[in-house]
């Protein structure tokens, strides 16, 4: 199965702690979707799902019809906002 090249890429220059696990430094395609009624972000390298984290759905689309990018920003020393 091929990866979805239309998904935005997010780069983490640090290990990302998710629960008790760590996602390594790297480039990840990111996809937001609903799983069992919960909004989540799924992180992929190629066609391999590397992690899934809960997300909060918003209607802030930055004035765009479609969101085709992703970014992160620091929220203090131990958290990020995606």
PDB file of N, CA and C in Angstrom:
ATOM      1  N   UNK A   1       0.848  -1.185   0.000  1.00  0.00           N
ATOM      2  CA  UNK A   1       0.000   0.000   0.000  1.00  0.00           C
ATOM      3  C   UNK A   1       0.889   1.243   0.000  1.00  0.00           C
ATOM      4  N   UNK A   2       0.533   2.214  -0.841  1.00  0.00           N
ATOM      5  CA  UNK A   2       1.310   3.451  -0.940  1.00  0.00           C
ATOM      6  C   UNK A   2       0.853   4.458   0.096  1.00  0.00           C
ATOM      7  N   UNK A   3       1.772   5.381   0.455  1.00  0.00           N
ATOM      8  CA  UNK A   3       1.405   6.455   1.377  1.00  0.00           C
ATOM      9  C   UNK A   3       0.557   7.483   0.635  1.00  0.00           C
ATOM     10  N   UNK A   4      -0.198   8.274   1.385  1.00  0.00           N
ATOM     11  CA  UNK A   4      -1.056   9.316   0.827  1.00  0.00           C
ATOM     12  C   UNK A   4      -0.252  10.607   0.744  1.00  0.00           C
ATOM     13  N   UNK A   5       0.239  10.946  -0.446  1.00  0.00           N
ATOM     14  CA  UNK A   5       1.080  12.131  -0.620  1.00  0.00           C
ATOM     15  C   UNK A   5       0.323  13.437  -0.427  1.00  0.00           C
ATOM     16  N   UNK A   6      -1.008  13.383  -0.326  1.00  0.00           N
ATOM     17  CA  UNK A   6      -1.775  14.612  -0.124  1.00  0.00           C
ATOM     18  C   UNK A   6      -1.813  15.034   1.347  1.00  0.00           C
ATOM     19  N   UNK A   7      -1.375  14.168   2.252  1.00  0.00           N
ATOM     20  CA  UNK A   7      -1.387  14.518   3.676  1.00  0.00           C
ATOM     21  C   UNK A   7      -0.264  15.492   3.991  1.00  0.00           C
ATOM     22  N   UNK A   8      -0.528  16.476   4.859  1.00  0.00           N
ATOM     23  CA  UNK A   8       0.539  17.411   5.239  1.00  0.00           C
ATOM     24  C   UNK A   8       1.615  16.700   6.059  1.00  0.00           C
ATOM     25  N   UNK A   9       2.822  17.240   5.996  1.00  0.00           N
ATOM     26  CA  UNK A   9       3.959  16.680   6.723  1.00  0.00           C
ATOM     27  C   UNK A   9       4.286  17.583   7.902  1.00  0.00           C
ATOM     28  N   UNK A  10       4.531  16.972   9.038  1.00  0.00           N
ATOM     29  CA  UNK A  10       4.907  17.678  10.260  1.00  0.00           C
ATOM     30  C   UNK A  10       6.255  17.127  10.704  1.00  0.00           C
ATOM     31  N   UNK A  11       7.194  18.013  11.028  1.00  0.00           N
ATOM     32  CA  UNK A  11       8.532  17.608  11.450  1.00  0.00           C
ATOM     33  C   UNK A  11       8.695  17.864  12.940  1.00  0.00           C
ATOM     34  N   UNK A  12       9.160  16.842  13.644  1.00  0.00           N
ATOM     35  CA  UNK A  12       9.477  16.982  15.065  1.00  0.00           C
ATOM     36  C   UNK A  12      10.984  16.897  15.237  1.00  0.00           C
ATOM     37  N   UNK A  13      11.643  17.986  15.687  1.00  0.00           N
ATOM     38  CA  UNK A  13      13.091  17.961  15.913  1.00  0.00           C
ATOM     39  C   UNK A  13      13.426  17.456  17.322  1.00  0.00           C
ATOM     40  N   UNK A  14      12.479  16.754  17.933  1.00  0.00           N
ATOM     41  CA  UNK A  14      12.628  16.244  19.299  1.00  0.00           C
ATOM     42  C   UNK A  14      11.808  14.968  19.411  1.00  0.00           C
ATOM     43  N   UNK A  15      12.123  14.134  20.405  1.00  0.00           N
ATOM     44  CA  UNK A  15      11.279  12.981  20.683  1.00  0.00           C
ATOM     45  C   UNK A  15       9.975  13.484  21.282  1.00  0.00           C
ATOM     46  N   UNK A  16       8.870  12.924  20.844  1.00  0.00           N
ATOM     47  CA  UNK A  16       7.557  13.331  21.330  1.00  0.00           C
ATOM     48  C   UNK A  16       7.029  12.246  22.258  1.00  0.00           C
ATOM     49  N   UNK A  17       6.793  12.579  23.519  1.00  0.00           N
ATOM     50  CA  UNK A  17       6.269  11.608  24.475  1.00  0.00           C
ATOM     51  C   UNK A  17       4.765  11.523  24.314  1.00  0.00           C
ATOM     52  N   UNK A  18       4.287  10.315  24.081  1.00  0.00           N
ATOM     53  CA  UNK A  18       2.859  10.053  23.933  1.00  0.00           C
ATOM     54  C   UNK A  18       2.519   8.956  24.931  1.00  0.00           C
ATOM     55  N   UNK A  19       1.872   9.335  26.014  1.00  0.00           N
ATOM     56  CA  UNK A  19       1.617   8.371  27.088  1.00  0.00           C
ATOM     57  C   UNK A  19       2.937   7.934  27.691  1.00  0.00           C
ATOM     58  N   UNK A  20       3.191   6.642  27.691  1.00  0.00           N
ATOM     59  CA  UNK A  20       4.451   6.102  28.206  1.00  0.00           C
ATOM     60  C   UNK A  20       5.470   5.871  27.093  1.00  0.00           C
ATOM     61  N   UNK A  21       5.062   6.080  25.839  1.00  0.00           N
ATOM     62  CA  UNK A  21       5.928   5.820  24.687  1.00  0.00           C
ATOM     63  C   UNK A  21       6.495   7.115  24.125  1.00  0.00           C
ATOM     64  N   UNK A  22       7.503   6.972  23.276  1.00  0.00           N
ATOM     65  CA  UNK A  22       8.124   8.110  22.603  1.00  0.00           C
ATOM     66  C   UNK A  22       8.086   7.898  21.101  1.00  0.00           C
ATOM     67  N   UNK A  23       7.747   8.963  20.370  1.00  0.00           N
ATOM     68  CA  UNK A  23       7.825   8.951  18.918  1.00  0.00           C
ATOM     69  C   UNK A  23       9.144   9.623  18.555  1.00  0.00           C
ATOM     70  N   UNK A  24       9.982   8.967  17.738  1.00  0.00           N
ATOM     71  CA  UNK A  24      11.310   9.518  17.464  1.00  0.00           C
ATOM     72  C   UNK A  24      11.283  10.792  16.620  1.00  0.00           C
ATOM     73  N   UNK A  25      12.393  11.511  16.669  1.00  0.00           N
ATOM     74  CA  UNK A  25      12.616  12.665  15.800  1.00  0.00           C
ATOM     75  C   UNK A  25      12.324  12.231  14.370  1.00  0.00           C
ATOM     76  N   UNK A  26      11.651  13.081  13.587  1.00  0.00           N
ATOM     77  CA  UNK A  26      11.410  12.708  12.198  1.00  0.00           C
ATOM     78  C   UNK A  26      10.323  13.523  11.536  1.00  0.00           C
ATOM     79  N   UNK A  27      10.041  13.123  10.301  1.00  0.00           N
ATOM     80  CA  UNK A  27       9.000  13.732   9.476  1.00  0.00           C
ATOM     81  C   UNK A  27       7.814  12.771   9.466  1.00  0.00           C
ATOM     82  N   UNK A  28       6.628  13.308   9.703  1.00  0.00           N
ATOM     83  CA  UNK A  28       5.429  12.486   9.782  1.00  0.00           C
ATOM     84  C   UNK A  28       4.318  13.100   8.955  1.00  0.00           C
ATOM     85  N   UNK A  29       3.618  12.260   8.188  1.00  0.00           N
ATOM     86  CA  UNK A  29       2.382  12.712   7.578  1.00  0.00           C
ATOM     87  C   UNK A  29       1.332  12.654   8.679  1.00  0.00           C
ATOM     88  N   UNK A  30       0.440  13.632   8.695  1.00  0.00           N
ATOM     89  CA  UNK A  30      -0.550  13.716   9.769  1.00  0.00           C
ATOM     90  C   UNK A  30      -1.952  13.748   9.169  1.00  0.00           C
ATOM     91  N   UNK A  31      -2.841  12.989   9.796  1.00  0.00           N
ATOM     92  CA  UNK A  31      -4.221  12.911   9.321  1.00  0.00           C
ATOM     93  C   UNK A  31      -5.154  13.029  10.519  1.00  0.00           C
ATOM     94  N   UNK A  32      -6.114  13.927  10.438  1.00  0.00           N
ATOM     95  CA  UNK A  32      -7.139  14.049  11.467  1.00  0.00           C
ATOM     96  C   UNK A  32      -8.376  13.289  11.036  1.00  0.00           C
ATOM     97  N   UNK A  33      -8.934  12.505  11.938  1.00  0.00           N
ATOM     98  CA  UNK A  33     -10.160  11.774  11.624  1.00  0.00           C
ATOM     99  C   UNK A  33     -10.896  11.411  12.908  1.00  0.00           C
ATOM    100  N   UNK A  34     -12.107  10.898  12.739  1.00  0.00           N
ATOM    101  CA  UNK A  34     -12.911  10.456  13.882  1.00  0.00           C
ATOM    102  C   UNK A  34     -12.757   8.943  14.020  1.00  0.00           C
ATOM    103  N   UNK A  35     -12.471   8.499  15.245  1.00  0.00           N
ATOM    104  CA  UNK A  35     -12.384   7.080  15.565  1.00  0.00           C
ATOM    105  C   UNK A  35     -13.300   6.845  16.760  1.00  0.00           C
ATOM    106  N   UNK A  36     -14.337   6.055  16.554  1.00  0.00           N
ATOM    107  CA  UNK A  36     -15.313   5.785  17.618  1.00  0.00           C
ATOM    108  C   UNK A  36     -15.860   7.081  18.221  1.00  0.00           C
ATOM    109  N   UNK A  37     -16.128   8.082  17.373  1.00  0.00           N
ATOM    110  CA  UNK A  37     -16.699   9.347  17.812  1.00  0.00           C
ATOM    111  C   UNK A  37     -15.709  10.333  18.401  1.00  0.00           C
ATOM    112  N   UNK A  38     -14.445   9.943  18.539  1.00  0.00           N
ATOM    113  CA  UNK A  38     -13.389  10.806  19.111  1.00  0.00           C
ATOM    114  C   UNK A  38     -12.512  11.329  17.976  1.00  0.00           C
ATOM    115  N   UNK A  39     -12.228  12.628  17.975  1.00  0.00           N
ATOM    116  CA  UNK A  39     -11.313  13.202  16.995  1.00  0.00           C
ATOM    117  C   UNK A  39      -9.888  12.855  17.396  1.00  0.00           C
ATOM    118  N   UNK A  40      -9.105  12.366  16.428  1.00  0.00           N
ATOM    119  CA  UNK A  40      -7.715  11.982  16.692  1.00  0.00           C
ATOM    120  C   UNK A  40      -6.819  12.477  15.564  1.00  0.00           C
ATOM    121  N   UNK A  41      -5.536  12.604  15.879  1.00  0.00           N
ATOM    122  CA  UNK A  41      -4.500  12.773  14.868  1.00  0.00           C
ATOM    123  C   UNK A  41      -3.792  11.439  14.741  1.00  0.00           C
ATOM    124  N   UNK A  42      -3.575  11.010  13.493  1.00  0.00           N
ATOM    125  CA  UNK A  42      -2.777   9.819  13.228  1.00  0.00           C
ATOM    126  C   UNK A  42      -1.504  10.275  12.529  1.00  0.00           C
ATOM    127  N   UNK A  43      -0.375   9.753  12.970  1.00  0.00           N
ATOM    128  CA  UNK A  43       0.929  10.105  12.422  1.00  0.00           C
ATOM    129  C   UNK A  43       1.474   8.915  11.646  1.00  0.00           C
ATOM    130  N   UNK A  44       1.893   9.165  10.405  1.00  0.00           N
ATOM    131  CA  UNK A  44       2.375   8.095   9.531  1.00  0.00           C
ATOM    132  C   UNK A  44       3.786   8.382   9.042  1.00  0.00           C
ATOM    133  N   UNK A  45       4.551   7.312   8.864  1.00  0.00           N
ATOM    134  CA  UNK A  45       5.781   7.346   8.081  1.00  0.00           C
ATOM    135  C   UNK A  45       5.565   6.301   7.003  1.00  0.00           C
ATOM    136  N   UNK A  46       5.486   6.774   5.747  1.00  0.00           N
ATOM    137  CA  UNK A  46       5.085   5.876   4.663  1.00  0.00           C
ATOM    138  C   UNK A  46       3.658   5.437   4.930  1.00  0.00           C
ATOM    139  N   UNK A  47       3.407   4.139   4.848  1.00  0.00           N
ATOM    140  CA  UNK A  47       2.055   3.645   5.114  1.00  0.00           C
ATOM    141  C   UNK A  47       1.928   3.055   6.515  1.00  0.00           C
ATOM    142  N   UNK A  48       2.921   3.294   7.373  1.00  0.00           N
ATOM    143  CA  UNK A  48       2.907   2.752   8.729  1.00  0.00           C
ATOM    144  C   UNK A  48       2.409   3.814   9.711  1.00  0.00           C
ATOM    145  N   UNK A  49       1.341   3.479  10.433  1.00  0.00           N
ATOM    146  CA  UNK A  49       0.844   4.384  11.473  1.00  0.00           C
ATOM    147  C   UNK A  49       1.779   4.291  12.670  1.00  0.00           C
ATOM    148  N   UNK A  50       2.411   5.414  12.996  1.00  0.00           N
ATOM    149  CA  UNK A  50       3.392   5.449  14.081  1.00  0.00           C
ATOM    150  C   UNK A  50       2.760   5.790  15.425  1.00  0.00           C
ATOM    151  N   UNK A  51       1.690   6.587  15.406  1.00  0.00           N
ATOM    152  CA  UNK A  51       1.049   6.996  16.657  1.00  0.00           C
ATOM    153  C   UNK A  51      -0.335   7.545  16.359  1.00  0.00           C
ATOM    154  N   UNK A  52      -1.155   7.548  17.393  1.00  0.00           N
ATOM    155  CA  UNK A  52      -2.485   8.150  17.340  1.00  0.00           C
ATOM    156  C   UNK A  52      -2.697   8.870  18.662  1.00  0.00           C
ATOM    157  N   UNK A  53      -3.109  10.146  18.576  1.00  0.00           N
ATOM    158  CA  UNK A  53      -3.335  10.916  19.800  1.00  0.00           C
ATOM    159  C   UNK A  53      -4.693  11.607  19.731  1.00  0.00           C
ATOM    160  N   UNK A  54      -5.329  11.830  20.881  1.00  0.00           N
ATOM    161  CA  UNK A  54      -6.594  12.569  20.891  1.00  0.00           C
ATOM    162  C   UNK A  54      -6.374  14.001  20.410  1.00  0.00           C
ATOM    163  N   UNK A  55      -7.376  14.546  19.747  1.00  0.00           N
ATOM    164  CA  UNK A  55      -7.305  15.919  19.242  1.00  0.00           C
ATOM    165  C   UNK A  55      -8.619  16.627  19.556  1.00  0.00           C
ATOM    166  N   UNK A  56      -8.597  17.934  19.514  1.00  0.00           N
ATOM    167  CA  UNK A  56      -9.796  18.738  19.710  1.00  0.00           C
ATOM    168  C   UNK A  56     -10.178  19.351  18.375  1.00  0.00           C
ATOM    169  N   UNK A  57     -11.366  19.044  17.902  1.00  0.00           N
ATOM    170  CA  UNK A  57     -11.838  19.582  16.629  1.00  0.00           C
ATOM    171  C   UNK A  57     -12.230  21.041  16.812  1.00  0.00           C
ATOM    172  N   UNK A  58     -11.796  21.887  15.878  1.00  0.00           N
ATOM    173  CA  UNK A  58     -12.164  23.300  15.903  1.00  0.00           C
ATOM    174  C   UNK A  58     -12.710  23.693  14.538  1.00  0.00           C
ATOM    175  N   UNK A  59     -13.223  24.887  14.456  1.00  0.00           N
ATOM    176  CA  UNK A  59     -13.705  25.414  13.177  1.00  0.00           C
ATOM    177  C   UNK A  59     -12.817  26.563  12.716  1.00  0.00           C
ATOM    178  N   UNK A  60     -11.643  26.679  13.299  1.00  0.00           N
ATOM    179  CA  UNK A  60     -10.673  27.710  12.920  1.00  0.00           C
ATOM    180  C   UNK A  60      -9.843  27.179  11.757  1.00  0.00           C
ATOM    181  N   UNK A  61     -10.255  27.494  10.541  1.00  0.00           N
ATOM    182  CA  UNK A  61      -9.586  27.011   9.335  1.00  0.00           C
ATOM    183  C   UNK A  61      -8.677  28.062   8.720  1.00  0.00           C
ATOM    184  N   UNK A  62      -8.272  29.045   9.506  1.00  0.00           N
ATOM    185  CA  UNK A  62      -7.329  30.068   9.065  1.00  0.00           C
ATOM    186  C   UNK A  62      -7.787  30.767   7.795  1.00  0.00           C
ATOM    187  N   UNK A  63      -9.123  30.869   7.594  1.00  0.00           N
ATOM    188  CA  UNK A  63      -9.663  31.529   6.415  1.00  0.00           C
ATOM    189  C   UNK A  63      -9.521  30.723   5.132  1.00  0.00           C
ATOM    190  N   UNK A  64      -9.164  29.451   5.250  1.00  0.00           N
ATOM    191  CA  UNK A  64      -8.961  28.591   4.081  1.00  0.00           C
ATOM    192  C   UNK A  64     -10.154  27.654   3.909  1.00  0.00           C
ATOM    193  N   UNK A  65     -10.442  27.284   2.651  1.00  0.00           N
ATOM    194  CA  UNK A  65     -11.498  26.304   2.401  1.00  0.00           C
ATOM    195  C   UNK A  65     -11.068  24.917   2.845  1.00  0.00           C
ATOM    196  N   UNK A  66      -9.793  24.605   2.644  1.00  0.00           N
ATOM    197  CA  UNK A  66      -9.238  23.305   2.999  1.00  0.00           C
ATOM    198  C   UNK A  66      -7.908  23.515   3.698  1.00  0.00           C
ATOM    199  N   UNK A  67      -7.675  22.769   4.755  1.00  0.00           N
ATOM    200  CA  UNK A  67      -6.389  22.832   5.450  1.00  0.00           C
ATOM    201  C   UNK A  67      -5.453  21.822   4.795  1.00  0.00           C
ATOM    202  N   UNK A  68      -4.366  22.307   4.238  1.00  0.00           N
ATOM    203  CA  UNK A  68      -3.402  21.429   3.563  1.00  0.00           C
ATOM    204  C   UNK A  68      -2.018  21.564   4.178  1.00  0.00           C
ATOM    205  N   UNK A  69      -1.976  22.016   5.420  1.00  0.00           N
ATOM    206  CA  UNK A  69      -0.698  22.186   6.097  1.00  0.00           C
ATOM    207  C   UNK A  69      -0.868  21.798   7.559  1.00  0.00           C
ATOM    208  N   UNK A  70       0.237  21.610   8.233  1.00  0.00           N
ATOM    209  CA  UNK A  70       0.207  21.376   9.676  1.00  0.00           C
ATOM    210  C   UNK A  70       1.419  22.047  10.293  1.00  0.00           C
ATOM    211  N   UNK A  71       1.309  22.385  11.565  1.00  0.00           N
ATOM    212  CA  UNK A  71       2.433  22.984  12.275  1.00  0.00           C
ATOM    213  C   UNK A  71       2.264  22.690  13.755  1.00  0.00           C
ATOM    214  N   UNK A  72       3.327  22.888  14.497  1.00  0.00           N
ATOM    215  CA  UNK A  72       3.265  22.751  15.948  1.00  0.00           C
ATOM    216  C   UNK A  72       3.860  23.994  16.564  1.00  0.00           C
ATOM    217  N   UNK A  73       3.443  24.283  17.798  1.00  0.00           N
ATOM    218  CA  UNK A  73       4.042  25.394  18.538  1.00  0.00           C
ATOM    219  C   UNK A  73       4.161  24.987  20.000  1.00  0.00           C
ATOM    220  N   UNK A  74       5.217  25.447  20.630  1.00  0.00           N
ATOM    221  CA  UNK A  74       5.470  25.119  22.031  1.00  0.00           C
ATOM    222  C   UNK A  74       4.394  25.722  22.924  1.00  0.00           C
ATOM    223  N   UNK A  75       4.001  24.980  23.924  1.00  0.00           N
ATOM    224  CA  UNK A  75       3.054  25.424  24.946  1.00  0.00           C
ATOM    225  C   UNK A  75       3.736  25.197  26.293  1.00  0.00           C
ATOM    226  N   UNK A  76       4.708  26.018  26.608  1.00  0.00           N
ATOM    227  CA  UNK A  76       5.507  25.806  27.814  1.00  0.00           C
ATOM    228  C   UNK A  76       6.673  24.875  27.510  1.00  0.00           C
ATOM    229  N   UNK A  77       7.252  24.318  28.552  1.00  0.00           N
ATOM    230  CA  UNK A  77       8.432  23.472  28.387  1.00  0.00           C
ATOM    231  C   UNK A  77       8.114  22.024  28.045  1.00  0.00           C
ATOM    232  N   UNK A  78       6.893  21.561  28.337  1.00  0.00           N
ATOM    233  CA  UNK A  78       6.608  20.136  28.215  1.00  0.00           C
ATOM    234  C   UNK A  78       5.429  19.790  27.325  1.00  0.00           C
ATOM    235  N   UNK A  79       4.868  20.752  26.607  1.00  0.00           N
ATOM    236  CA  UNK A  79       3.713  20.480  25.762  1.00  0.00           C
ATOM    237  C   UNK A  79       3.838  21.220  24.443  1.00  0.00           C
ATOM    238  N   UNK A  80       3.160  20.664  23.415  1.00  0.00           N
ATOM    239  CA  UNK A  80       3.063  21.348  22.130  1.00  0.00           C
ATOM    240  C   UNK A  80       1.602  21.377  21.697  1.00  0.00           C
ATOM    241  N   UNK A  81       1.280  22.337  20.853  1.00  0.00           N
ATOM    242  CA  UNK A  81      -0.040  22.439  20.240  1.00  0.00           C
ATOM    243  C   UNK A  81       0.151  22.142  18.765  1.00  0.00           C
ATOM    244  N   UNK A  82      -0.669  21.228  18.220  1.00  0.00           N
ATOM    245  CA  UNK A  82      -0.565  20.859  16.802  1.00  0.00           C
ATOM    246  C   UNK A  82      -1.740  21.464  16.065  1.00  0.00           C
TER     247      UNK A  82
END
